Structure formats: C-alpha cells, structure tokens
Amino acid sequence: MSRERGDLRKRYLALPWRGKLAVAWRLWRDRRVPLRARLLLPAVAFYLAMPIDIIPDFIPVLGQLDDVLVVVLALGLFIRMTPPQVIEDHIARWLAEHP
C-alpha cells in the first residue's frame, strides 16, 4: 500500500460511522468511481437478501459473522478500487459540512 493510500485510509477510518456511511454513499453515486467498484455494493445487498449463505444464519454467531465479513470485505474492496483523489474530495466535503 502506498503512503498516500495509507494516509487516506487512516482519514477514512477516523470518520465516525455516520461519516463513513455518508462518504461511501456519495462515492457510490459519483461517476468518477469505476463501474465495477459501484457494482460491488448492489452485489453485496443481493448476497445478503439471498436465502443461501456461506454459513447458514441459524448457526448462532457464525451465521451472522459471515454476513458481516462479506460486507466489510466488499466495502474495503470498494474503497481500494476507487481513485484516491475522489475519496479525498468526498472526505473533505463531508468534514466541511460536519465540523
């Protein structure tokens, strides 16, 4: 990971959960983000809605843990596939709106 990506990742992770979700939503709607990255989020929603899971949900804790893991990995991949300048723009805009 480059230094710029690492600094950007730290800035994103420093946001409150509401900020992370808002920035992710804004990135998803931004046309500068590659289509393949934007398609990840609907694919995750589809996976969560499907009745078939990697680990069935009726197994306590592990059934829900695989869903959380899929969401976290998909969001991480989405952020990694997004150009750093676009992420920086949205983080700066969110911080300006929420001092």
PDB file of N, CA and C in Angstrom:
ATOM      1  N   MET A   1       0.848  -1.173   0.000  1.00  0.00           N
ATOM      2  CA  MET A   1       0.000   0.000   0.000  1.00  0.00           C
ATOM      3  C   MET A   1       0.891   1.232   0.000  1.00  0.00           C
ATOM      4  N   SER A   2       0.570   2.167  -0.869  1.00  0.00           N
ATOM      5  CA  SER A   2       1.371   3.378  -0.942  1.00  0.00           C
ATOM      6  C   SER A   2       1.095   4.268   0.269  1.00  0.00           C
ATOM      7  N   ARG A   3       1.995   5.203   0.501  1.00  0.00           N
ATOM      8  CA  ARG A   3       1.843   6.106   1.649  1.00  0.00           C
ATOM      9  C   ARG A   3       0.555   6.925   1.524  1.00  0.00           C
ATOM     10  N   GLU A   4       0.266   7.387   0.294  1.00  0.00           N
ATOM     11  CA  GLU A   4      -0.951   8.181   0.076  1.00  0.00           C
ATOM     12  C   GLU A   4      -2.195   7.367   0.415  1.00  0.00           C
ATOM     13  N   ARG A   5      -2.244   6.126  -0.031  1.00  0.00           N
ATOM     14  CA  ARG A   5      -3.379   5.239   0.275  1.00  0.00           C
ATOM     15  C   ARG A   5      -3.490   5.007   1.770  1.00  0.00           C
ATOM     16  N   GLY A   6      -2.354   4.823   2.445  1.00  0.00           N
ATOM     17  CA  GLY A   6      -2.359   4.589   3.886  1.00  0.00           C
ATOM     18  C   GLY A   6      -2.885   5.779   4.655  1.00  0.00           C
ATOM     19  N   ASP A   7      -2.454   6.989   4.267  1.00  0.00           N
ATOM     20  CA  ASP A   7      -2.944   8.200   4.921  1.00  0.00           C
ATOM     21  C   ASP A   7      -4.429   8.397   4.668  1.00  0.00           C
ATOM     22  N   LEU A   8      -4.849   8.131   3.449  1.00  0.00           N
ATOM     23  CA  LEU A   8      -6.256   8.262   3.099  1.00  0.00           C
ATOM     24  C   LEU A   8      -7.098   7.250   3.870  1.00  0.00           C
ATOM     25  N   ARG A   9      -6.579   6.051   3.996  1.00  0.00           N
ATOM     26  CA  ARG A   9      -7.289   5.010   4.754  1.00  0.00           C
ATOM     27  C   ARG A   9      -7.455   5.430   6.212  1.00  0.00           C
ATOM     28  N   LYS A  10      -6.412   5.998   6.800  1.00  0.00           N
ATOM     29  CA  LYS A  10      -6.494   6.460   8.187  1.00  0.00           C
ATOM     30  C   LYS A  10      -7.516   7.568   8.337  1.00  0.00           C
ATOM     31  N   ARG A  11      -7.549   8.491   7.368  1.00  0.00           N
ATOM     32  CA  ARG A  11      -8.530   9.582   7.422  1.00  0.00           C
ATOM     33  C   ARG A  11      -9.950   9.038   7.324  1.00  0.00           C
ATOM     34  N   TYR A  12     -10.155   8.054   6.450  1.00  0.00           N
ATOM     35  CA  TYR A  12     -11.490   7.454   6.300  1.00  0.00           C
ATOM     36  C   TYR A  12     -11.890   6.724   7.576  1.00  0.00           C
ATOM     37  N   LEU A  13     -10.965   5.961   8.131  1.00  0.00           N
ATOM     38  CA  LEU A  13     -11.275   5.198   9.345  1.00  0.00           C
ATOM     39  C   LEU A  13     -11.489   6.100  10.559  1.00  0.00           C
ATOM     40  N   ALA A  14     -10.931   7.314  10.521  1.00  0.00           N
ATOM     41  CA  ALA A  14     -11.098   8.255  11.629  1.00  0.00           C
ATOM     42  C   ALA A  14     -12.484   8.896  11.636  1.00  0.00           C
ATOM     43  N   LEU A  15     -13.199   8.787  10.526  1.00  0.00           N
ATOM     44  CA  LEU A  15     -14.544   9.355  10.482  1.00  0.00           C
ATOM     45  C   LEU A  15     -15.472   8.574  11.413  1.00  0.00           C
ATOM     46  N   PRO A  16     -16.486   9.244  11.970  1.00  0.00           N
ATOM     47  CA  PRO A  16     -17.488   8.498  12.734  1.00  0.00           C
ATOM     48  C   PRO A  16     -18.259   7.578  11.784  1.00  0.00           C
ATOM     49  N   TRP A  17     -18.935   6.592  12.323  1.00  0.00           N
ATOM     50  CA  TRP A  17     -19.624   5.609  11.469  1.00  0.00           C
ATOM     51  C   TRP A  17     -20.601   6.292  10.514  1.00  0.00           C
ATOM     52  N   ARG A  18     -21.261   7.348  10.970  1.00  0.00           N
ATOM     53  CA  ARG A  18     -22.194   8.076  10.110  1.00  0.00           C
ATOM     54  C   ARG A  18     -21.448   8.710   8.929  1.00  0.00           C
ATOM     55  N   GLY A  19     -20.254   9.212   9.188  1.00  0.00           N
ATOM     56  CA  GLY A  19     -19.440   9.797   8.133  1.00  0.00           C
ATOM     57  C   GLY A  19     -18.958   8.764   7.136  1.00  0.00           C
ATOM     58  N   LYS A  20     -18.570   7.594   7.646  1.00  0.00           N
ATOM     59  CA  LYS A  20     -18.126   6.517   6.753  1.00  0.00           C
ATOM     60  C   LYS A  20     -19.246   6.118   5.799  1.00  0.00           C
ATOM     61  N   LEU A  21     -20.451   5.969   6.345  1.00  0.00           N
ATOM     62  CA  LEU A  21     -21.584   5.588   5.506  1.00  0.00           C
ATOM     63  C   LEU A  21     -21.928   6.689   4.503  1.00  0.00           C
ATOM     64  N   ALA A  22     -21.884   7.939   4.950  1.00  0.00           N
ATOM     65  CA  ALA A  22     -22.197   9.056   4.057  1.00  0.00           C
ATOM     66  C   ALA A  22     -21.174   9.149   2.926  1.00  0.00           C
ATOM     67  N   VAL A  23     -19.895   9.010   3.248  1.00  0.00           N
ATOM     68  CA  VAL A  23     -18.853   9.071   2.218  1.00  0.00           C
ATOM     69  C   VAL A  23     -18.996   7.889   1.256  1.00  0.00           C
ATOM     70  N   ALA A  24     -19.266   6.695   1.774  1.00  0.00           N
ATOM     71  CA  ALA A  24     -19.449   5.525   0.909  1.00  0.00           C
ATOM     72  C   ALA A  24     -20.648   5.736  -0.024  1.00  0.00           C
ATOM     73  N   TRP A  25     -21.748   6.285   0.502  1.00  0.00           N
ATOM     74  CA  TRP A  25     -22.929   6.552  -0.326  1.00  0.00           C
ATOM     75  C   TRP A  25     -22.612   7.570  -1.417  1.00  0.00           C
ATOM     76  N   ARG A  26     -21.905   8.628  -1.043  1.00  0.00           N
ATOM     77  CA  ARG A  26     -21.542   9.647  -2.032  1.00  0.00           C
ATOM     78  C   ARG A  26     -20.603   9.077  -3.092  1.00  0.00           C
ATOM     79  N   LEU A  27     -19.675   8.225  -2.670  1.00  0.00           N
ATOM     80  CA  LEU A  27     -18.763   7.601  -3.628  1.00  0.00           C
ATOM     81  C   LEU A  27     -19.536   6.709  -4.588  1.00  0.00           C
ATOM     82  N   TRP A  28     -20.503   5.973  -4.066  1.00  0.00           N
ATOM     83  CA  TRP A  28     -21.283   5.069  -4.909  1.00  0.00           C
ATOM     84  C   TRP A  28     -22.035   5.838  -5.986  1.00  0.00           C
ATOM     85  N   ARG A  29     -22.460   7.049  -5.667  1.00  0.00           N
ATOM     86  CA  ARG A  29     -23.218   7.864  -6.612  1.00  0.00           C
ATOM     87  C   ARG A  29     -22.314   8.669  -7.555  1.00  0.00           C
ATOM     88  N   ASP A  30     -21.027   8.764  -7.278  1.00  0.00           N
ATOM     89  CA  ASP A  30     -20.089   9.568  -8.061  1.00  0.00           C
ATOM     90  C   ASP A  30     -19.692   8.833  -9.340  1.00  0.00           C
ATOM     91  N   ARG A  31     -19.818   9.511 -10.468  1.00  0.00           N
ATOM     92  CA  ARG A  31     -19.498   8.910 -11.764  1.00  0.00           C
ATOM     93  C   ARG A  31     -17.998   8.730 -11.980  1.00  0.00           C
ATOM     94  N   ARG A  32     -17.171   9.339 -11.153  1.00  0.00           N
ATOM     95  CA  ARG A  32     -15.715   9.171 -11.287  1.00  0.00           C
ATOM     96  C   ARG A  32     -15.248   7.825 -10.741  1.00  0.00           C
ATOM     97  N   VAL A  33     -16.111   7.161  -9.982  1.00  0.00           N
ATOM     98  CA  VAL A  33     -15.787   5.836  -9.435  1.00  0.00           C
ATOM     99  C   VAL A  33     -16.060   4.809 -10.534  1.00  0.00           C
ATOM    100  N   PRO A  34     -15.132   3.884 -10.757  1.00  0.00           N
ATOM    101  CA  PRO A  34     -15.330   2.879 -11.815  1.00  0.00           C
ATOM    102  C   PRO A  34     -16.609   2.065 -11.598  1.00  0.00           C
ATOM    103  N   LEU A  35     -17.230   1.687 -12.703  1.00  0.00           N
ATOM    104  CA  LEU A  35     -18.482   0.939 -12.639  1.00  0.00           C
ATOM    105  C   LEU A  35     -18.327  -0.375 -11.876  1.00  0.00           C
ATOM    106  N   ARG A  36     -17.223  -1.067 -12.087  1.00  0.00           N
ATOM    107  CA  ARG A  36     -17.028  -2.355 -11.406  1.00  0.00           C
ATOM    108  C   ARG A  36     -16.994  -2.179  -9.888  1.00  0.00           C
ATOM    109  N   ALA A  37     -16.491  -1.047  -9.417  1.00  0.00           N
ATOM    110  CA  ALA A  37     -16.494  -0.773  -7.977  1.00  0.00           C
ATOM    111  C   ALA A  37     -17.914  -0.478  -7.499  1.00  0.00           C
ATOM    112  N   ARG A  38     -18.652   0.302  -8.280  1.00  0.00           N
ATOM    113  CA  ARG A  38     -20.018   0.645  -7.886  1.00  0.00           C
ATOM    114  C   ARG A  38     -20.936  -0.566  -7.903  1.00  0.00           C
ATOM    115  N   LEU A  39     -20.641  -1.568  -8.709  1.00  0.00           N
ATOM    116  CA  LEU A  39     -21.475  -2.764  -8.767  1.00  0.00           C
ATOM    117  C   LEU A  39     -21.267  -3.681  -7.560  1.00  0.00           C
ATOM    118  N   LEU A  40     -20.184  -3.474  -6.819  1.00  0.00           N
ATOM    119  CA  LEU A  40     -19.937  -4.308  -5.635  1.00  0.00           C
ATOM    120  C   LEU A  40     -21.024  -4.160  -4.578  1.00  0.00           C
ATOM    121  N   LEU A  41     -21.459  -2.944  -4.321  1.00  0.00           N
ATOM    122  CA  LEU A  41     -22.421  -2.715  -3.250  1.00  0.00           C
ATOM    123  C   LEU A  41     -23.786  -3.347  -3.535  1.00  0.00           C
ATOM    124  N   PRO A  42     -24.341  -3.222  -4.750  1.00  0.00           N
ATOM    125  CA  PRO A  42     -25.582  -3.956  -5.024  1.00  0.00           C
ATOM    126  C   PRO A  42     -25.387  -5.477  -4.975  1.00  0.00           C
ATOM    127  N   ALA A  43     -24.205  -5.941  -5.363  1.00  0.00           N
ATOM    128  CA  ALA A  43     -23.934  -7.382  -5.295  1.00  0.00           C
ATOM    129  C   ALA A  43     -23.950  -7.867  -3.846  1.00  0.00           C
ATOM    130  N   VAL A  44     -23.416  -7.070  -2.936  1.00  0.00           N
ATOM    131  CA  VAL A  44     -23.440  -7.438  -1.517  1.00  0.00           C
ATOM    132  C   VAL A  44     -24.876  -7.428  -0.995  1.00  0.00           C
ATOM    133  N   ALA A  45     -25.654  -6.428  -1.377  1.00  0.00           N
ATOM    134  CA  ALA A  45     -27.055  -6.381  -0.960  1.00  0.00           C
ATOM    135  C   ALA A  45     -27.808  -7.610  -1.474  1.00  0.00           C
ATOM    136  N   PHE A  46     -27.521  -8.011  -2.708  1.00  0.00           N
ATOM    137  CA  PHE A  46     -28.134  -9.208  -3.270  1.00  0.00           C
ATOM    138  C   PHE A  46     -27.722 -10.449  -2.481  1.00  0.00           C
ATOM    139  N   TYR A  47     -26.448 -10.556  -2.139  1.00  0.00           N
ATOM    140  CA  TYR A  47     -25.966 -11.695  -1.349  1.00  0.00           C
ATOM    141  C   TYR A  47     -26.671 -11.757   0.001  1.00  0.00           C
ATOM    142  N   LEU A  48     -26.828 -10.604   0.651  1.00  0.00           N
ATOM    143  CA  LEU A  48     -27.475 -10.582   1.964  1.00  0.00           C
ATOM    144  C   LEU A  48     -28.956 -10.946   1.874  1.00  0.00           C
ATOM    145  N   ALA A  49     -29.585 -10.644   0.754  1.00  0.00           N
ATOM    146  CA  ALA A  49     -31.000 -10.946   0.581  1.00  0.00           C
ATOM    147  C   ALA A  49     -31.239 -12.403   0.173  1.00  0.00           C
ATOM    148  N   MET A  50     -30.224 -13.063  -0.361  1.00  0.00           N
ATOM    149  CA  MET A  50     -30.375 -14.452  -0.790  1.00  0.00           C
ATOM    150  C   MET A  50     -30.550 -15.372   0.412  1.00  0.00           C
ATOM    151  N   PRO A  51     -31.352 -16.415   0.261  1.00  0.00           N
ATOM    152  CA  PRO A  51     -31.521 -17.362   1.377  1.00  0.00           C
ATOM    153  C   PRO A  51     -30.327 -18.302   1.560  1.00  0.00           C
ATOM    154  N   ILE A  52     -29.433 -18.342   0.581  1.00  0.00           N
ATOM    155  CA  ILE A  52     -28.267 -19.231   0.661  1.00  0.00           C
ATOM    156  C   ILE A  52     -27.078 -18.419   1.161  1.00  0.00           C
ATOM    157  N   ASP A  53     -26.402 -18.922   2.202  1.00  0.00           N
ATOM    158  CA  ASP A  53     -25.247 -18.252   2.790  1.00  0.00           C
ATOM    159  C   ASP A  53     -24.049 -19.189   2.799  1.00  0.00           C
ATOM    160  N   ILE A  54     -22.878 -18.607   3.009  1.00  0.00           N
ATOM    161  CA  ILE A  54     -21.669 -19.418   3.192  1.00  0.00           C
ATOM    162  C   ILE A  54     -21.849 -20.270   4.449  1.00  0.00           C
ATOM    163  N   ILE A  55     -22.247 -19.629   5.529  1.00  0.00           N
ATOM    164  CA  ILE A  55     -22.582 -20.308   6.782  1.00  0.00           C
ATOM    165  C   ILE A  55     -24.034 -19.967   7.083  1.00  0.00           C
ATOM    166  N   PRO A  56     -24.922 -20.953   7.212  1.00  0.00           N
ATOM    167  CA  PRO A  56     -26.343 -20.675   7.432  1.00  0.00           C
ATOM    168  C   PRO A  56     -26.577 -19.805   8.674  1.00  0.00           C
ATOM    169  N   ASP A  57     -27.565 -18.908   8.575  1.00  0.00           N
ATOM    170  CA  ASP A  57     -27.840 -17.959   9.651  1.00  0.00           C
ATOM    171  C   ASP A  57     -28.388 -18.613  10.916  1.00  0.00           C
ATOM    172  N   PHE A  58     -28.893 -19.823  10.818  1.00  0.00           N
ATOM    173  CA  PHE A  58     -29.433 -20.454  12.033  1.00  0.00           C
ATOM    174  C   PHE A  58     -28.333 -20.949  12.978  1.00  0.00           C
ATOM    175  N   ILE A  59     -27.084 -20.937  12.538  1.00  0.00           N
ATOM    176  CA  ILE A  59     -25.963 -21.272  13.418  1.00  0.00           C
ATOM    177  C   ILE A  59     -25.631 -20.014  14.219  1.00  0.00           C
ATOM    178  N   PRO A  60     -25.760 -20.087  15.547  1.00  0.00           N
ATOM    179  CA  PRO A  60     -25.555 -18.879  16.363  1.00  0.00           C
ATOM    180  C   PRO A  60     -24.184 -18.247  16.142  1.00  0.00           C
ATOM    181  N   VAL A  61     -24.133 -16.965  16.087  1.00  0.00           N
ATOM    182  CA  VAL A  61     -22.968 -16.106  15.934  1.00  0.00           C
ATOM    183  C   VAL A  61     -22.278 -16.293  14.576  1.00  0.00           C
ATOM    184  N   LEU A  62     -21.862 -17.480  14.241  1.00  0.00           N
ATOM    185  CA  LEU A  62     -21.141 -17.694  12.980  1.00  0.00           C
ATOM    186  C   LEU A  62     -22.005 -17.378  11.766  1.00  0.00           C
ATOM    187  N   GLY A  63     -23.304 -17.636  11.870  1.00  0.00           N
ATOM    188  CA  GLY A  63     -24.211 -17.360  10.756  1.00  0.00           C
ATOM    189  C   GLY A  63     -24.276 -15.887  10.414  1.00  0.00           C
ATOM    190  N   GLN A  64     -24.228 -15.037  11.421  1.00  0.00           N
ATOM    191  CA  GLN A  64     -24.256 -13.599  11.177  1.00  0.00           C
ATOM    192  C   GLN A  64     -22.855 -13.059  10.906  1.00  0.00           C
ATOM    193  N   LEU A  65     -21.857 -13.711  11.472  1.00  0.00           N
ATOM    194  CA  LEU A  65     -20.481 -13.258  11.312  1.00  0.00           C
ATOM    195  C   LEU A  65     -20.034 -13.316   9.851  1.00  0.00           C
ATOM    196  N   ASP A  66     -20.459 -14.324   9.111  1.00  0.00           N
ATOM    197  CA  ASP A  66     -20.055 -14.388   7.701  1.00  0.00           C
ATOM    198  C   ASP A  66     -20.677 -13.249   6.909  1.00  0.00           C
ATOM    199  N   ASP A  67     -21.900 -12.845   7.253  1.00  0.00           N
ATOM    200  CA  ASP A  67     -22.518 -11.705   6.575  1.00  0.00           C
ATOM    201  C   ASP A  67     -21.750 -10.421   6.855  1.00  0.00           C
ATOM    202  N   VAL A  68     -21.360 -10.217   8.096  1.00  0.00           N
ATOM    203  CA  VAL A  68     -20.582  -9.023   8.465  1.00  0.00           C
ATOM    204  C   VAL A  68     -19.248  -9.034   7.735  1.00  0.00           C
ATOM    205  N   LEU A  69     -18.604 -10.185   7.670  1.00  0.00           N
ATOM    206  CA  LEU A  69     -17.318 -10.301   6.989  1.00  0.00           C
ATOM    207  C   LEU A  69     -17.442  -9.967   5.505  1.00  0.00           C
ATOM    208  N   VAL A  70     -18.487 -10.438   4.860  1.00  0.00           N
ATOM    209  CA  VAL A  70     -18.701 -10.142   3.438  1.00  0.00           C
ATOM    210  C   VAL A  70     -18.895  -8.639   3.227  1.00  0.00           C
ATOM    211  N   VAL A  71     -19.682  -7.997   4.099  1.00  0.00           N
ATOM    212  CA  VAL A  71     -19.923  -6.557   3.978  1.00  0.00           C
ATOM    213  C   VAL A  71     -18.622  -5.776   4.169  1.00  0.00           C
ATOM    214  N   VAL A  72     -17.857  -6.122   5.192  1.00  0.00           N
ATOM    215  CA  VAL A  72     -16.600  -5.411   5.470  1.00  0.00           C
ATOM    216  C   VAL A  72     -15.603  -5.596   4.318  1.00  0.00           C
ATOM    217  N   LEU A  73     -15.477  -6.803   3.821  1.00  0.00           N
ATOM    218  CA  LEU A  73     -14.556  -7.051   2.709  1.00  0.00           C
ATOM    219  C   LEU A  73     -14.988  -6.310   1.445  1.00  0.00           C
ATOM    220  N   ALA A  74     -16.285  -6.289   1.167  1.00  0.00           N
ATOM    221  CA  ALA A  74     -16.778  -5.594  -0.022  1.00  0.00           C
ATOM    222  C   ALA A  74     -16.560  -4.089   0.092  1.00  0.00           C
ATOM    223  N   LEU A  75     -16.821  -3.518   1.264  1.00  0.00           N
ATOM    224  CA  LEU A  75     -16.583  -2.087   1.440  1.00  0.00           C
ATOM    225  C   LEU A  75     -15.096  -1.754   1.307  1.00  0.00           C
ATOM    226  N   GLY A  76     -14.243  -2.614   1.854  1.00  0.00           N
ATOM    227  CA  GLY A  76     -12.801  -2.406   1.715  1.00  0.00           C
ATOM    228  C   GLY A  76     -12.360  -2.467   0.266  1.00  0.00           C
ATOM    229  N   LEU A  77     -12.883  -3.420  -0.478  1.00  0.00           N
ATOM    230  CA  LEU A  77     -12.552  -3.546  -1.901  1.00  0.00           C
ATOM    231  C   LEU A  77     -13.099  -2.356  -2.686  1.00  0.00           C
ATOM    232  N   PHE A  78     -14.291  -1.902  -2.330  1.00  0.00           N
ATOM    233  CA  PHE A  78     -14.882  -0.730  -2.970  1.00  0.00           C
ATOM    234  C   PHE A  78     -13.992   0.489  -2.784  1.00  0.00           C
ATOM    235  N   ILE A  79     -13.516   0.706  -1.565  1.00  0.00           N
ATOM    236  CA  ILE A  79     -12.645   1.842  -1.277  1.00  0.00           C
ATOM    237  C   ILE A  79     -11.314   1.686  -2.018  1.00  0.00           C
ATOM    238  N   ARG A  80     -10.774   0.470  -2.057  1.00  0.00           N
ATOM    239  CA  ARG A  80      -9.496   0.230  -2.735  1.00  0.00           C
ATOM    240  C   ARG A  80      -9.592   0.463  -4.242  1.00  0.00           C
ATOM    241  N   MET A  81     -10.751   0.172  -4.839  1.00  0.00           N
ATOM    242  CA  MET A  81     -10.924   0.314  -6.286  1.00  0.00           C
ATOM    243  C   MET A  81     -11.252   1.750  -6.698  1.00  0.00           C
ATOM    244  N   THR A  82     -11.539   2.593  -5.721  1.00  0.00           N
ATOM    245  CA  THR A  82     -11.908   3.981  -6.001  1.00  0.00           C
ATOM    246  C   THR A  82     -10.649   4.846  -6.069  1.00  0.00           C
ATOM    247  N   PRO A  83     -10.552   5.728  -7.054  1.00  0.00           N
ATOM    248  CA  PRO A  83      -9.371   6.608  -7.142  1.00  0.00           C
ATOM    249  C   PRO A  83      -9.201   7.435  -5.865  1.00  0.00           C
ATOM    250  N   PRO A  84      -7.975   7.545  -5.350  1.00  0.00           N
ATOM    251  CA  PRO A  84      -7.736   8.258  -4.091  1.00  0.00           C
ATOM    252  C   PRO A  84      -8.225   9.704  -4.089  1.00  0.00           C
ATOM    253  N   GLN A  85      -8.076  10.401  -5.198  1.00  0.00           N
ATOM    254  CA  GLN A  85      -8.491  11.806  -5.232  1.00  0.00           C
ATOM    255  C   GLN A  85      -9.996  11.948  -5.042  1.00  0.00           C
ATOM    256  N   VAL A  86     -10.757  11.005  -5.569  1.00  0.00           N
ATOM    257  CA  VAL A  86     -12.211  11.037  -5.427  1.00  0.00           C
ATOM    258  C   VAL A  86     -12.588  10.844  -3.961  1.00  0.00           C
ATOM    259  N   ILE A  87     -11.932   9.898  -3.302  1.00  0.00           N
ATOM    260  CA  ILE A  87     -12.192   9.661  -1.875  1.00  0.00           C
ATOM    261  C   ILE A  87     -11.828  10.909  -1.075  1.00  0.00           C
ATOM    262  N   GLU A  88     -10.681  11.479  -1.385  1.00  0.00           N
ATOM    263  CA  GLU A  88     -10.226  12.682  -0.688  1.00  0.00           C
ATOM    264  C   GLU A  88     -11.236  13.816  -0.840  1.00  0.00           C
ATOM    265  N   ASP A  89     -11.763  13.989  -2.040  1.00  0.00           N
ATOM    266  CA  ASP A  89     -12.762  15.034  -2.273  1.00  0.00           C
ATOM    267  C   ASP A  89     -13.992  14.845  -1.390  1.00  0.00           C
ATOM    268  N   HIS A  90     -14.469  13.619  -1.319  1.00  0.00           N
ATOM    269  CA  HIS A  90     -15.691  13.352  -0.549  1.00  0.00           C
ATOM    270  C   HIS A  90     -15.449  13.435   0.961  1.00  0.00           C
ATOM    271  N   ILE A  91     -14.293  13.001   1.412  1.00  0.00           N
ATOM    272  CA  ILE A  91     -13.977  13.134   2.845  1.00  0.00           C
ATOM    273  C   ILE A  91     -13.893  14.611   3.212  1.00  0.00           C
ATOM    274  N   ALA A  92     -13.202  15.403   2.393  1.00  0.00           N
ATOM    275  CA  ALA A  92     -13.072  16.838   2.666  1.00  0.00           C
ATOM    276  C   ALA A  92     -14.437  17.512   2.653  1.00  0.00           C
ATOM    277  N   ARG A  93     -15.281  17.145   1.720  1.00  0.00           N
ATOM    278  CA  ARG A  93     -16.611  17.743   1.641  1.00  0.00           C
ATOM    279  C   ARG A  93     -17.437  17.379   2.876  1.00  0.00           C
ATOM    280  N   TRP A  94     -17.363  16.109   3.299  1.00  0.00           N
ATOM    281  CA  TRP A  94     -18.128  15.696   4.481  1.00  0.00           C
ATOM    282  C   TRP A  94     -17.613  16.416   5.733  1.00  0.00           C
ATOM    283  N   LEU A  95     -16.282  16.525   5.872  1.00  0.00           N
ATOM    284  CA  LEU A  95     -15.722  17.220   7.026  1.00  0.00           C
ATOM    285  C   LEU A  95     -16.088  18.700   7.023  1.00  0.00           C
ATOM    286  N   ALA A  96     -16.175  19.322   5.861  1.00  0.00           N
ATOM    287  CA  ALA A  96     -16.575  20.726   5.781  1.00  0.00           C
ATOM    288  C   ALA A  96     -18.033  20.909   6.191  1.00  0.00           C
ATOM    289  N   GLU A  97     -18.864  19.938   5.871  1.00  0.00           N
ATOM    290  CA  GLU A  97     -20.288  20.017   6.239  1.00  0.00           C
ATOM    291  C   GLU A  97     -20.539  19.672   7.704  1.00  0.00           C
ATOM    292  N   HIS A  98     -19.633  18.900   8.310  1.00  0.00           N
ATOM    293  CA  HIS A  98     -19.795  18.431   9.694  1.00  0.00           C
ATOM    294  C   HIS A  98     -18.525  18.738  10.495  1.00  0.00           C
ATOM    295  N   PRO A  99     -18.336  20.008  10.856  1.00  0.00           N
ATOM    296  CA  PRO A  99     -17.089  20.378  11.555  1.00  0.00           C
ATOM    297  C   PRO A  99     -16.984  19.770  12.960  1.00  0.00           C
TER     298      PRO A  99
END
